[in-house]
Every structure is written in C-alpha cells, then in structure tokens.
PDB file of all heavy atoms in Angstrom:
ATOM      1  N   GLU A   1       0.825  -1.218  -0.027  1.00  0.00           N
ATOM      2  CA  GLU A   1       0.011  -0.007  -0.045  1.00  0.00           C
ATOM      3  C   GLU A   1       0.847   1.247   0.016  1.00  0.00           C
ATOM      4  O   GLU A   1       0.658   2.185   0.716  1.00  0.00           O
ATOM      5  CB  GLU A   1      -0.938   0.017   1.210  1.00  0.00           C
ATOM      6  CG  GLU A   1      -1.763  -1.296   1.358  1.00  0.00           C
ATOM      7  CD  GLU A   1      -2.950  -1.246   0.276  1.00  0.00           C
ATOM      8  OE1 GLU A   1      -2.969  -0.359  -0.626  1.00  0.00           O
ATOM      9  OE2 GLU A   1      -3.802  -2.113   0.355  1.00  0.00           O
ATOM     10  N   TYR A   2       1.876   1.253  -0.899  1.00  0.00           N
ATOM     11  CA  TYR A   2       2.797   2.356  -0.868  1.00  0.00           C
ATOM     12  C   TYR A   2       2.136   3.733  -1.265  1.00  0.00           C
ATOM     13  O   TYR A   2       2.661   4.794  -0.790  1.00  0.00           O
ATOM     14  CB  TYR A   2       3.950   2.060  -1.808  1.00  0.00           C
ATOM     15  CG  TYR A   2       5.170   2.978  -1.685  1.00  0.00           C
ATOM     16  CD1 TYR A   2       5.963   2.954  -0.634  1.00  0.00           C
ATOM     17  CD2 TYR A   2       5.461   3.909  -2.707  1.00  0.00           C
ATOM     18  CE1 TYR A   2       7.107   3.767  -0.512  1.00  0.00           C
ATOM     19  CE2 TYR A   2       6.577   4.736  -2.691  1.00  0.00           C
ATOM     20  CZ  TYR A   2       7.376   4.625  -1.489  1.00  0.00           C
ATOM     21  OH  TYR A   2       8.441   5.500  -1.434  1.00  0.00           O
ATOM     22  N   GLN A   3       1.081   3.637  -1.913  1.00  0.00           N
ATOM     23  CA  GLN A   3       0.419   4.947  -2.290  1.00  0.00           C
ATOM     24  C   GLN A   3      -0.141   5.673  -1.036  1.00  0.00           C
ATOM     25  O   GLN A   3      -0.421   6.875  -1.185  1.00  0.00           O
ATOM     26  CB  GLN A   3      -0.720   4.708  -3.296  1.00  0.00           C
ATOM     27  CG  GLN A   3      -2.027   4.180  -2.742  1.00  0.00           C
ATOM     28  CD  GLN A   3      -1.993   2.667  -2.460  1.00  0.00           C
ATOM     29  OE1 GLN A   3      -1.025   1.999  -2.859  1.00  0.00           O
ATOM     30  NE2 GLN A   3      -3.019   2.126  -1.861  1.00  0.00           N
ATOM     31  N   ASP A   4      -0.295   5.018   0.074  1.00  0.00           N
ATOM     32  CA  ASP A   4      -0.906   5.614   1.219  1.00  0.00           C
ATOM     33  C   ASP A   4       0.217   5.865   2.313  1.00  0.00           C
ATOM     34  O   ASP A   4      -0.151   5.982   3.527  1.00  0.00           O
ATOM     35  CB  ASP A   4      -2.017   4.727   1.784  1.00  0.00           C
ATOM     36  CG  ASP A   4      -3.307   5.002   1.005  1.00  0.00           C
ATOM     37  OD1 ASP A   4      -3.547   6.113   0.568  1.00  0.00           O
ATOM     38  OD2 ASP A   4      -4.057   4.057   0.739  1.00  0.00           O
ATOM     39  N   THR A   5       1.425   5.874   1.937  1.00  0.00           N
ATOM     40  CA  THR A   5       2.515   6.193   2.923  1.00  0.00           C
ATOM     41  C   THR A   5       2.619   7.708   3.020  1.00  0.00           C
ATOM     42  O   THR A   5       2.360   8.426   2.069  1.00  0.00           O
ATOM     43  CB  THR A   5       3.873   5.605   2.485  1.00  0.00           C
ATOM     44  OG1 THR A   5       4.127   6.034   1.136  1.00  0.00           O
ATOM     45  CG2 THR A   5       3.915   4.114   2.653  1.00  0.00           C
ATOM     46  N   SER A   6       3.099   8.189   4.140  1.00  0.00           N
ATOM     47  CA  SER A   6       3.335   9.572   4.394  1.00  0.00           C
ATOM     48  C   SER A   6       4.782   9.919   4.010  1.00  0.00           C
ATOM     49  O   SER A   6       5.609   9.026   3.697  1.00  0.00           O
ATOM     50  CB  SER A   6       3.000   9.995   5.816  1.00  0.00           C
ATOM     51  OG  SER A   6       3.982   9.329   6.657  1.00  0.00           O
ATOM     52  N   LYS A   7       5.082  11.214   4.074  1.00  0.00           N
ATOM     53  CA  LYS A   7       6.466  11.566   3.781  1.00  0.00           C
ATOM     54  C   LYS A   7       7.466  10.961   4.734  1.00  0.00           C
ATOM     55  O   LYS A   7       8.520  10.507   4.388  1.00  0.00           O
ATOM     56  CB  LYS A   7       6.583  13.139   3.805  1.00  0.00           C
ATOM     57  CG  LYS A   7       8.031  13.634   3.388  1.00  0.00           C
ATOM     58  CD  LYS A   7       8.169  15.096   3.551  1.00  0.00           C
ATOM     59  CE  LYS A   7       9.541  15.573   2.981  1.00  0.00           C
ATOM     60  NZ  LYS A   7      10.655  15.001   3.731  1.00  0.00           N
ATOM     61  N   VAL A   8       7.102  10.967   6.059  1.00  0.00           N
ATOM     62  CA  VAL A   8       8.009  10.454   6.986  1.00  0.00           C
ATOM     63  C   VAL A   8       8.217   8.960   6.812  1.00  0.00           C
ATOM     64  O   VAL A   8       9.354   8.467   6.989  1.00  0.00           O
ATOM     65  CB  VAL A   8       7.566  10.799   8.476  1.00  0.00           C
ATOM     66  CG1 VAL A   8       6.294  10.080   8.794  1.00  0.00           C
ATOM     67  CG2 VAL A   8       8.618  10.490   9.473  1.00  0.00           C
ATOM     68  N   GLN A   9       7.169   8.261   6.441  1.00  0.00           N
ATOM     69  CA  GLN A   9       7.246   6.844   6.205  1.00  0.00           C
ATOM     70  C   GLN A   9       8.220   6.550   5.012  1.00  0.00           C
ATOM     71  O   GLN A   9       8.983   5.666   4.940  1.00  0.00           O
ATOM     72  CB  GLN A   9       5.875   6.182   6.013  1.00  0.00           C
ATOM     73  CG  GLN A   9       5.058   6.134   7.259  1.00  0.00           C
ATOM     74  CD  GLN A   9       3.651   5.738   7.041  1.00  0.00           C
ATOM     75  OE1 GLN A   9       3.075   6.031   6.008  1.00  0.00           O
ATOM     76  NE2 GLN A   9       3.068   5.140   7.987  1.00  0.00           N
ATOM     77  N   ALA A  10       7.964   7.337   3.918  1.00  0.00           N
ATOM     78  CA  ALA A  10       8.849   7.179   2.741  1.00  0.00           C
ATOM     79  C   ALA A  10      10.252   7.433   2.999  1.00  0.00           C
ATOM     80  O   ALA A  10      11.220   6.764   2.512  1.00  0.00           O
ATOM     81  CB  ALA A  10       8.306   8.041   1.582  1.00  0.00           C
ATOM     82  N   ASP A  11      10.556   8.465   3.875  1.00  0.00           N
ATOM     83  CA  ASP A  11      11.893   8.809   4.254  1.00  0.00           C
ATOM     84  C   ASP A  11      12.526   7.715   5.007  1.00  0.00           C
ATOM     85  O   ASP A  11      13.702   7.415   4.810  1.00  0.00           O
ATOM     86  CB  ASP A  11      11.884  10.122   5.078  1.00  0.00           C
ATOM     87  CG  ASP A  11      11.550  11.311   4.255  1.00  0.00           C
ATOM     88  OD1 ASP A  11      11.584  11.234   3.011  1.00  0.00           O
ATOM     89  OD2 ASP A  11      11.272  12.395   4.861  1.00  0.00           O
ATOM     90  N   ILE A  12      11.754   7.043   5.886  1.00  0.00           N
ATOM     91  CA  ILE A  12      12.262   5.962   6.690  1.00  0.00           C
ATOM     92  C   ILE A  12      12.735   4.820   5.773  1.00  0.00           C
ATOM     93  O   ILE A  12      13.799   4.266   5.948  1.00  0.00           O
ATOM     94  CB  ILE A  12      11.161   5.466   7.712  1.00  0.00           C
ATOM     95  CG1 ILE A  12      11.081   6.476   8.832  1.00  0.00           C
ATOM     96  CG2 ILE A  12      11.624   4.108   8.307  1.00  0.00           C
ATOM     97  CD1 ILE A  12       9.880   6.233   9.708  1.00  0.00           C
ATOM     98  N   ILE A  13      11.872   4.457   4.784  1.00  0.00           N
ATOM     99  CA  ILE A  13      12.172   3.370   3.907  1.00  0.00           C
ATOM    100  C   ILE A  13      13.404   3.761   3.023  1.00  0.00           C
ATOM    101  O   ILE A  13      14.256   2.843   2.870  1.00  0.00           O
ATOM    102  CB  ILE A  13      10.885   3.104   2.979  1.00  0.00           C
ATOM    103  CG1 ILE A  13       9.807   2.458   3.834  1.00  0.00           C
ATOM    104  CG2 ILE A  13      11.285   2.184   1.835  1.00  0.00           C
ATOM    105  CD1 ILE A  13      10.180   1.145   4.493  1.00  0.00           C
ATOM    106  N   ASP A  14      13.540   4.975   2.636  1.00  0.00           N
ATOM    107  CA  ASP A  14      14.673   5.370   1.801  1.00  0.00           C
ATOM    108  C   ASP A  14      16.006   5.150   2.643  1.00  0.00           C
ATOM    109  O   ASP A  14      16.995   4.708   2.091  1.00  0.00           O
ATOM    110  CB  ASP A  14      14.561   6.789   1.360  1.00  0.00           C
ATOM    111  CG  ASP A  14      13.446   6.978   0.269  1.00  0.00           C
ATOM    112  OD1 ASP A  14      13.048   5.890  -0.343  1.00  0.00           O
ATOM    113  OD2 ASP A  14      13.065   8.067  -0.030  1.00  0.00           O
ATOM    114  N   LEU A  15      15.913   5.542   3.916  1.00  0.00           N
ATOM    115  CA  LEU A  15      17.059   5.368   4.806  1.00  0.00           C
ATOM    116  C   LEU A  15      17.397   3.880   4.978  1.00  0.00           C
ATOM    117  O   LEU A  15      18.591   3.513   4.952  1.00  0.00           O
ATOM    118  CB  LEU A  15      16.817   6.054   6.160  1.00  0.00           C
ATOM    119  CG  LEU A  15      16.840   7.585   6.165  1.00  0.00           C
ATOM    120  CD1 LEU A  15      16.164   8.118   7.439  1.00  0.00           C
ATOM    121  CD2 LEU A  15      18.214   8.130   6.042  1.00  0.00           C
ATOM    122  N   LEU A  16      16.374   3.125   5.192  1.00  0.00           N
ATOM    123  CA  LEU A  16      16.662   1.658   5.434  1.00  0.00           C
ATOM    124  C   LEU A  16      17.190   1.035   4.145  1.00  0.00           C
ATOM    125  O   LEU A  16      17.924  -0.034   4.295  1.00  0.00           O
ATOM    126  CB  LEU A  16      15.343   0.971   5.882  1.00  0.00           C
ATOM    127  CG  LEU A  16      14.852   1.306   7.248  1.00  0.00           C
ATOM    128  CD1 LEU A  16      13.500   0.747   7.520  1.00  0.00           C
ATOM    129  CD2 LEU A  16      15.845   0.816   8.342  1.00  0.00           C
ATOM    130  N   ALA A  17      16.785   1.456   3.009  1.00  0.00           N
ATOM    131  CA  ALA A  17      17.192   0.854   1.765  1.00  0.00           C
ATOM    132  C   ALA A  17      18.480   1.436   1.215  1.00  0.00           C
ATOM    133  O   ALA A  17      19.026   1.069   0.096  1.00  0.00           O
ATOM    134  CB  ALA A  17      16.086   1.054   0.688  1.00  0.00           C
ATOM    135  N   SER A  18      19.115   2.356   2.002  1.00  0.00           N
ATOM    136  CA  SER A  18      20.320   3.103   1.494  1.00  0.00           C
ATOM    137  C   SER A  18      21.510   2.203   1.324  1.00  0.00           C
ATOM    138  O   SER A  18      22.474   2.533   0.610  1.00  0.00           O
ATOM    139  CB  SER A  18      20.558   4.281   2.393  1.00  0.00           C
ATOM    140  OG  SER A  18      20.840   3.806   3.713  1.00  0.00           O
ATOM    141  N   ARG A  19      21.622   1.108   1.955  1.00  0.00           N
ATOM    142  CA  ARG A  19      22.752   0.197   1.879  1.00  0.00           C
ATOM    143  C   ARG A  19      22.624  -0.815   0.806  1.00  0.00           C
ATOM    144  O   ARG A  19      23.606  -0.927  -0.113  1.00  0.00           O
ATOM    145  CB  ARG A  19      22.860  -0.591   3.250  1.00  0.00           C
ATOM    146  CG  ARG A  19      23.940  -1.669   3.248  1.00  0.00           C
ATOM    147  CD  ARG A  19      25.371  -1.094   3.358  1.00  0.00           C
ATOM    148  NE  ARG A  19      26.350  -2.109   3.561  1.00  0.00           N
ATOM    149  CZ  ARG A  19      26.636  -2.652   4.736  1.00  0.00           C
ATOM    150  NH1 ARG A  19      26.048  -2.367   5.858  1.00  0.00           N
ATOM    151  NH2 ARG A  19      27.542  -3.700   4.715  1.00  0.00           N
ATOM    152  N   HIS A  20      21.577  -1.575   0.728  1.00  0.00           N
ATOM    153  CA  HIS A  20      21.484  -2.635  -0.281  1.00  0.00           C
ATOM    154  C   HIS A  20      20.580  -2.286  -1.592  1.00  0.00           C
ATOM    155  O   HIS A  20      20.732  -2.954  -2.552  1.00  0.00           O
ATOM    156  CB  HIS A  20      20.800  -3.915   0.370  1.00  0.00           C
ATOM    157  CG  HIS A  20      21.735  -4.441   1.488  1.00  0.00           C
ATOM    158  ND1 HIS A  20      22.905  -5.040   1.293  1.00  0.00           N
ATOM    159  CD2 HIS A  20      21.445  -4.488   2.820  1.00  0.00           C
ATOM    160  CE1 HIS A  20      23.425  -5.480   2.398  1.00  0.00           C
ATOM    161  NE2 HIS A  20      22.581  -5.138   3.303  1.00  0.00           N
ATOM    162  N   HIS A  21      19.735  -1.328  -1.367  1.00  0.00           N
ATOM    163  CA  HIS A  21      18.967  -0.806  -2.578  1.00  0.00           C
ATOM    164  C   HIS A  21      17.951  -1.892  -3.065  1.00  0.00           C
ATOM    165  O   HIS A  21      17.491  -1.738  -4.226  1.00  0.00           O
ATOM    166  CB  HIS A  21      19.840  -0.382  -3.670  1.00  0.00           C
ATOM    167  CG  HIS A  21      20.753   0.714  -3.323  1.00  0.00           C
ATOM    168  ND1 HIS A  21      20.366   2.020  -3.044  1.00  0.00           N
ATOM    169  CD2 HIS A  21      22.069   0.680  -3.086  1.00  0.00           C
ATOM    170  CE1 HIS A  21      21.442   2.760  -2.680  1.00  0.00           C
ATOM    171  NE2 HIS A  21      22.538   1.956  -2.685  1.00  0.00           N
ATOM    172  N   ASN A  22      17.687  -2.904  -2.322  1.00  0.00           N
ATOM    173  CA  ASN A  22      16.773  -3.909  -2.720  1.00  0.00           C
ATOM    174  C   ASN A  22      15.388  -3.647  -2.100  1.00  0.00           C
ATOM    175  O   ASN A  22      15.023  -4.137  -1.069  1.00  0.00           O
ATOM    176  CB  ASN A  22      17.195  -5.331  -2.253  1.00  0.00           C
ATOM    177  CG  ASN A  22      18.475  -5.720  -3.010  1.00  0.00           C
ATOM    178  OD1 ASN A  22      18.680  -5.411  -4.168  1.00  0.00           O
ATOM    179  ND2 ASN A  22      19.335  -6.469  -2.248  1.00  0.00           N
ATOM    180  N   LEU A  23      14.641  -2.770  -2.827  1.00  0.00           N
ATOM    181  CA  LEU A  23      13.355  -2.208  -2.255  1.00  0.00           C
ATOM    182  C   LEU A  23      12.303  -2.515  -3.295  1.00  0.00           C
ATOM    183  O   LEU A  23      12.400  -2.098  -4.418  1.00  0.00           O
ATOM    184  CB  LEU A  23      13.534  -0.709  -2.012  1.00  0.00           C
ATOM    185  CG  LEU A  23      12.235   0.056  -1.709  1.00  0.00           C
ATOM    186  CD1 LEU A  23      11.532  -0.478  -0.444  1.00  0.00           C
ATOM    187  CD2 LEU A  23      12.519   1.577  -1.544  1.00  0.00           C
ATOM    188  N   MET A  24      11.284  -3.250  -2.880  1.00  0.00           N
ATOM    189  CA  MET A  24      10.065  -3.408  -3.706  1.00  0.00           C
ATOM    190  C   MET A  24       8.909  -2.766  -2.981  1.00  0.00           C
ATOM    191  O   MET A  24       8.544  -3.072  -1.849  1.00  0.00           O
ATOM    192  CB  MET A  24       9.791  -4.914  -3.877  1.00  0.00           C
ATOM    193  CG  MET A  24       8.403  -5.135  -4.575  1.00  0.00           C
ATOM    194  SD  MET A  24       7.920  -6.877  -4.853  1.00  0.00           S
ATOM    195  CE  MET A  24       8.851  -7.226  -6.304  1.00  0.00           C
ATOM    196  N   VAL A  25       8.314  -1.786  -3.675  1.00  0.00           N
ATOM    197  CA  VAL A  25       7.124  -1.089  -3.210  1.00  0.00           C
ATOM    198  C   VAL A  25       5.916  -1.561  -4.042  1.00  0.00           C
ATOM    199  O   VAL A  25       6.075  -1.520  -5.296  1.00  0.00           O
ATOM    200  CB  VAL A  25       7.252   0.450  -3.127  1.00  0.00           C
ATOM    201  CG1 VAL A  25       8.459   0.814  -2.198  1.00  0.00           C
ATOM    202  CG2 VAL A  25       7.518   1.022  -4.518  1.00  0.00           C
ATOM    203  N   VAL A  26       4.851  -1.739  -3.434  1.00  0.00           N
ATOM    204  CA  VAL A  26       3.621  -2.246  -4.227  1.00  0.00           C
ATOM    205  C   VAL A  26       2.510  -1.322  -3.803  1.00  0.00           C
ATOM    206  O   VAL A  26       2.258  -0.976  -2.651  1.00  0.00           O
ATOM    207  CB  VAL A  26       3.287  -3.675  -3.792  1.00  0.00           C
ATOM    208  CG1 VAL A  26       2.078  -4.168  -4.552  1.00  0.00           C
ATOM    209  CG2 VAL A  26       4.503  -4.592  -4.015  1.00  0.00           C
ATOM    210  N   GLY A  27       1.749  -0.842  -4.788  1.00  0.00           N
ATOM    211  CA  GLY A  27       0.629  -0.027  -4.603  1.00  0.00           C
ATOM    212  C   GLY A  27      -0.009   0.441  -5.913  1.00  0.00           C
ATOM    213  O   GLY A  27       0.296  -0.090  -6.988  1.00  0.00           O
ATOM    214  N   ASP A  28      -0.975   1.339  -5.829  1.00  0.00           N
ATOM    215  CA  ASP A  28      -1.769   1.803  -7.001  1.00  0.00           C
ATOM    216  C   ASP A  28      -2.083   3.282  -6.728  1.00  0.00           C
ATOM    217  O   ASP A  28      -2.778   3.638  -5.803  1.00  0.00           O
ATOM    218  CB  ASP A  28      -3.091   1.025  -7.111  1.00  0.00           C
ATOM    219  CG  ASP A  28      -3.923   1.412  -8.320  1.00  0.00           C
ATOM    220  OD1 ASP A  28      -3.425   2.232  -9.104  1.00  0.00           O
ATOM    221  OD2 ASP A  28      -4.983   0.850  -8.501  1.00  0.00           O
ATOM    222  N   ASP A  29      -1.450   4.059  -7.615  1.00  0.00           N
ATOM    223  CA  ASP A  29      -1.681   5.545  -7.496  1.00  0.00           C
ATOM    224  C   ASP A  29      -3.107   5.982  -7.610  1.00  0.00           C
ATOM    225  O   ASP A  29      -3.510   7.087  -7.244  1.00  0.00           O
ATOM    226  CB  ASP A  29      -0.808   6.246  -8.504  1.00  0.00           C
ATOM    227  CG  ASP A  29      -1.053   5.715 -10.005  1.00  0.00           C
ATOM    228  OD1 ASP A  29      -0.857   4.528 -10.152  1.00  0.00           O
ATOM    229  OD2 ASP A  29      -1.566   6.519 -10.825  1.00  0.00           O
ATOM    230  N   SER A  30      -3.964   5.069  -8.157  1.00  0.00           N
ATOM    231  CA  SER A  30      -5.391   5.429  -8.364  1.00  0.00           C
ATOM    232  C   SER A  30      -6.280   4.994  -7.173  1.00  0.00           C
ATOM    233  O   SER A  30      -7.376   5.175  -7.191  1.00  0.00           O
ATOM    234  CB  SER A  30      -5.938   4.663  -9.516  1.00  0.00           C
ATOM    235  OG  SER A  30      -5.284   5.104 -10.760  1.00  0.00           O
ATOM    236  N   GLN A  31      -5.594   4.515  -6.070  1.00  0.00           N
ATOM    237  CA  GLN A  31      -6.348   4.027  -4.898  1.00  0.00           C
ATOM    238  C   GLN A  31      -5.915   4.741  -3.613  1.00  0.00           C
ATOM    239  O   GLN A  31      -6.195   4.294  -2.559  1.00  0.00           O
ATOM    240  CB  GLN A  31      -6.269   2.569  -4.678  1.00  0.00           C
ATOM    241  CG  GLN A  31      -6.815   1.721  -5.780  1.00  0.00           C
ATOM    242  CD  GLN A  31      -6.853   0.231  -5.447  1.00  0.00           C
ATOM    243  OE1 GLN A  31      -7.627  -0.130  -4.553  1.00  0.00           O
ATOM    244  NE2 GLN A  31      -6.062  -0.537  -6.083  1.00  0.00           N
ATOM    245  N   SER A  32      -5.320   5.885  -3.781  1.00  0.00           N
ATOM    246  CA  SER A  32      -4.836   6.604  -2.556  1.00  0.00           C
ATOM    247  C   SER A  32      -5.995   7.413  -1.950  1.00  0.00           C
ATOM    248  O   SER A  32      -6.587   8.207  -2.574  1.00  0.00           O
ATOM    249  CB  SER A  32      -3.744   7.610  -2.935  1.00  0.00           C
ATOM    250  OG  SER A  32      -3.254   8.333  -1.752  1.00  0.00           O
ATOM    251  N   ILE A  33      -6.293   7.140  -0.651  1.00  0.00           N
ATOM    252  CA  ILE A  33      -7.489   7.736  -0.023  1.00  0.00           C
ATOM    253  C   ILE A  33      -7.179   8.286   1.322  1.00  0.00           C
ATOM    254  O   ILE A  33      -8.110   8.825   2.009  1.00  0.00           O
ATOM    255  CB  ILE A  33      -8.644   6.634   0.164  1.00  0.00           C
ATOM    256  CG1 ILE A  33      -8.179   5.479   1.035  1.00  0.00           C
ATOM    257  CG2 ILE A  33      -9.071   6.142  -1.199  1.00  0.00           C
ATOM    258  CD1 ILE A  33      -9.273   4.519   1.384  1.00  0.00           C
ATOM    259  N   TYR A  34      -5.861   8.290   1.757  1.00  0.00           N
ATOM    260  CA  TYR A  34      -5.611   8.791   3.159  1.00  0.00           C
ATOM    261  C   TYR A  34      -4.851  10.092   3.168  1.00  0.00           C
ATOM    262  O   TYR A  34      -4.095  10.303   4.145  1.00  0.00           O
ATOM    263  CB  TYR A  34      -4.836   7.629   3.926  1.00  0.00           C
ATOM    264  CG  TYR A  34      -5.749   6.487   4.302  1.00  0.00           C
ATOM    265  CD1 TYR A  34      -5.673   5.296   3.571  1.00  0.00           C
ATOM    266  CD2 TYR A  34      -6.564   6.605   5.364  1.00  0.00           C
ATOM    267  CE1 TYR A  34      -6.567   4.254   3.839  1.00  0.00           C
ATOM    268  CE2 TYR A  34      -7.385   5.556   5.785  1.00  0.00           C
ATOM    269  CZ  TYR A  34      -7.361   4.420   4.988  1.00  0.00           C
ATOM    270  OH  TYR A  34      -8.225   3.317   5.315  1.00  0.00           O
ATOM    271  N   SER A  35      -4.997  10.967   2.214  1.00  0.00           N
ATOM    272  CA  SER A  35      -4.370  12.230   2.202  1.00  0.00           C
ATOM    273  C   SER A  35      -4.753  13.072   3.433  1.00  0.00           C
ATOM    274  O   SER A  35      -3.948  13.830   3.925  1.00  0.00           O
ATOM    275  CB  SER A  35      -4.598  13.006   0.932  1.00  0.00           C
ATOM    276  OG  SER A  35      -6.014  13.258   0.800  1.00  0.00           O
ATOM    277  N   PHE A  36      -5.984  12.882   3.962  1.00  0.00           N
ATOM    278  CA  PHE A  36      -6.428  13.641   5.074  1.00  0.00           C
ATOM    279  C   PHE A  36      -5.631  13.284   6.333  1.00  0.00           C
ATOM    280  O   PHE A  36      -5.615  14.058   7.351  1.00  0.00           O
ATOM    281  CB  PHE A  36      -7.989  13.412   5.377  1.00  0.00           C
ATOM    282  CG  PHE A  36      -8.273  12.041   5.835  1.00  0.00           C
ATOM    283  CD1 PHE A  36      -8.325  11.700   7.185  1.00  0.00           C
ATOM    284  CD2 PHE A  36      -8.469  11.017   4.888  1.00  0.00           C
ATOM    285  CE1 PHE A  36      -8.641  10.440   7.664  1.00  0.00           C
ATOM    286  CE2 PHE A  36      -8.766   9.692   5.394  1.00  0.00           C
ATOM    287  CZ  PHE A  36      -8.877   9.435   6.698  1.00  0.00           C
ATOM    288  N   ARG A  37      -4.905  12.228   6.340  1.00  0.00           N
ATOM    289  CA  ARG A  37      -4.103  11.737   7.424  1.00  0.00           C
ATOM    290  C   ARG A  37      -2.626  11.958   7.141  1.00  0.00           C
ATOM    291  O   ARG A  37      -1.797  11.515   7.983  1.00  0.00           O
ATOM    292  CB  ARG A  37      -4.386  10.319   7.663  1.00  0.00           C
ATOM    293  CG  ARG A  37      -4.679   9.941   9.116  1.00  0.00           C
ATOM    294  CD  ARG A  37      -5.370   8.595   9.268  1.00  0.00           C
ATOM    295  NE  ARG A  37      -4.750   7.431   8.587  1.00  0.00           N
ATOM    296  CZ  ARG A  37      -5.212   6.259   8.620  1.00  0.00           C
ATOM    297  NH1 ARG A  37      -6.342   5.993   9.244  1.00  0.00           N
ATOM    298  NH2 ARG A  37      -4.651   5.221   7.917  1.00  0.00           N
ATOM    299  N   GLY A  38      -2.304  12.640   6.111  1.00  0.00           N
ATOM    300  CA  GLY A  38      -0.927  12.946   5.821  1.00  0.00           C
ATOM    301  C   GLY A  38      -0.263  12.028   4.740  1.00  0.00           C
ATOM    302  O   GLY A  38       0.901  12.259   4.410  1.00  0.00           O
ATOM    303  N   ALA A  39      -1.003  11.018   4.231  1.00  0.00           N
ATOM    304  CA  ALA A  39      -0.534  10.222   3.153  1.00  0.00           C
ATOM    305  C   ALA A  39      -0.308  11.041   1.941  1.00  0.00           C
ATOM    306  O   ALA A  39      -1.060  12.045   1.600  1.00  0.00           O
ATOM    307  CB  ALA A  39      -1.482   9.049   2.826  1.00  0.00           C
ATOM    308  N   ASN A  40       0.707  10.736   1.148  1.00  0.00           N
ATOM    309  CA  ASN A  40       1.019  11.489  -0.082  1.00  0.00           C
ATOM    310  C   ASN A  40       1.317  10.543  -1.184  1.00  0.00           C
ATOM    311  O   ASN A  40       2.295   9.878  -1.298  1.00  0.00           O
ATOM    312  CB  ASN A  40       2.280  12.303   0.252  1.00  0.00           C
ATOM    313  CG  ASN A  40       2.602  13.298  -0.912  1.00  0.00           C
ATOM    314  OD1 ASN A  40       2.014  13.281  -1.914  1.00  0.00           O
ATOM    315  ND2 ASN A  40       3.563  14.212  -0.613  1.00  0.00           N
TER     316      ASN A  40
END
C-alpha cells in the first residue's frame, strides 16, 4: 500500500534501503485515499 505512505514513512524506507537498494514497493496511484491523514 505504498500509495498511502506519508512523507516520514517514505523517508524511513529510503534510509533503510540506502545500503542494499533492494526495495520493492507495491501500490496503486489510483487508490490513494488517506491524504487527510498525511498520506502522499
């Protein structure tokens, strides 16, 4: 559900993936519904 992550969550993932770069994110840009909670 990567489309419903917030900026701070995306930043955390980028930091964790900074060593190995093996990052798979799964989501659908057409199903984002949590912007009212800070999702971007």
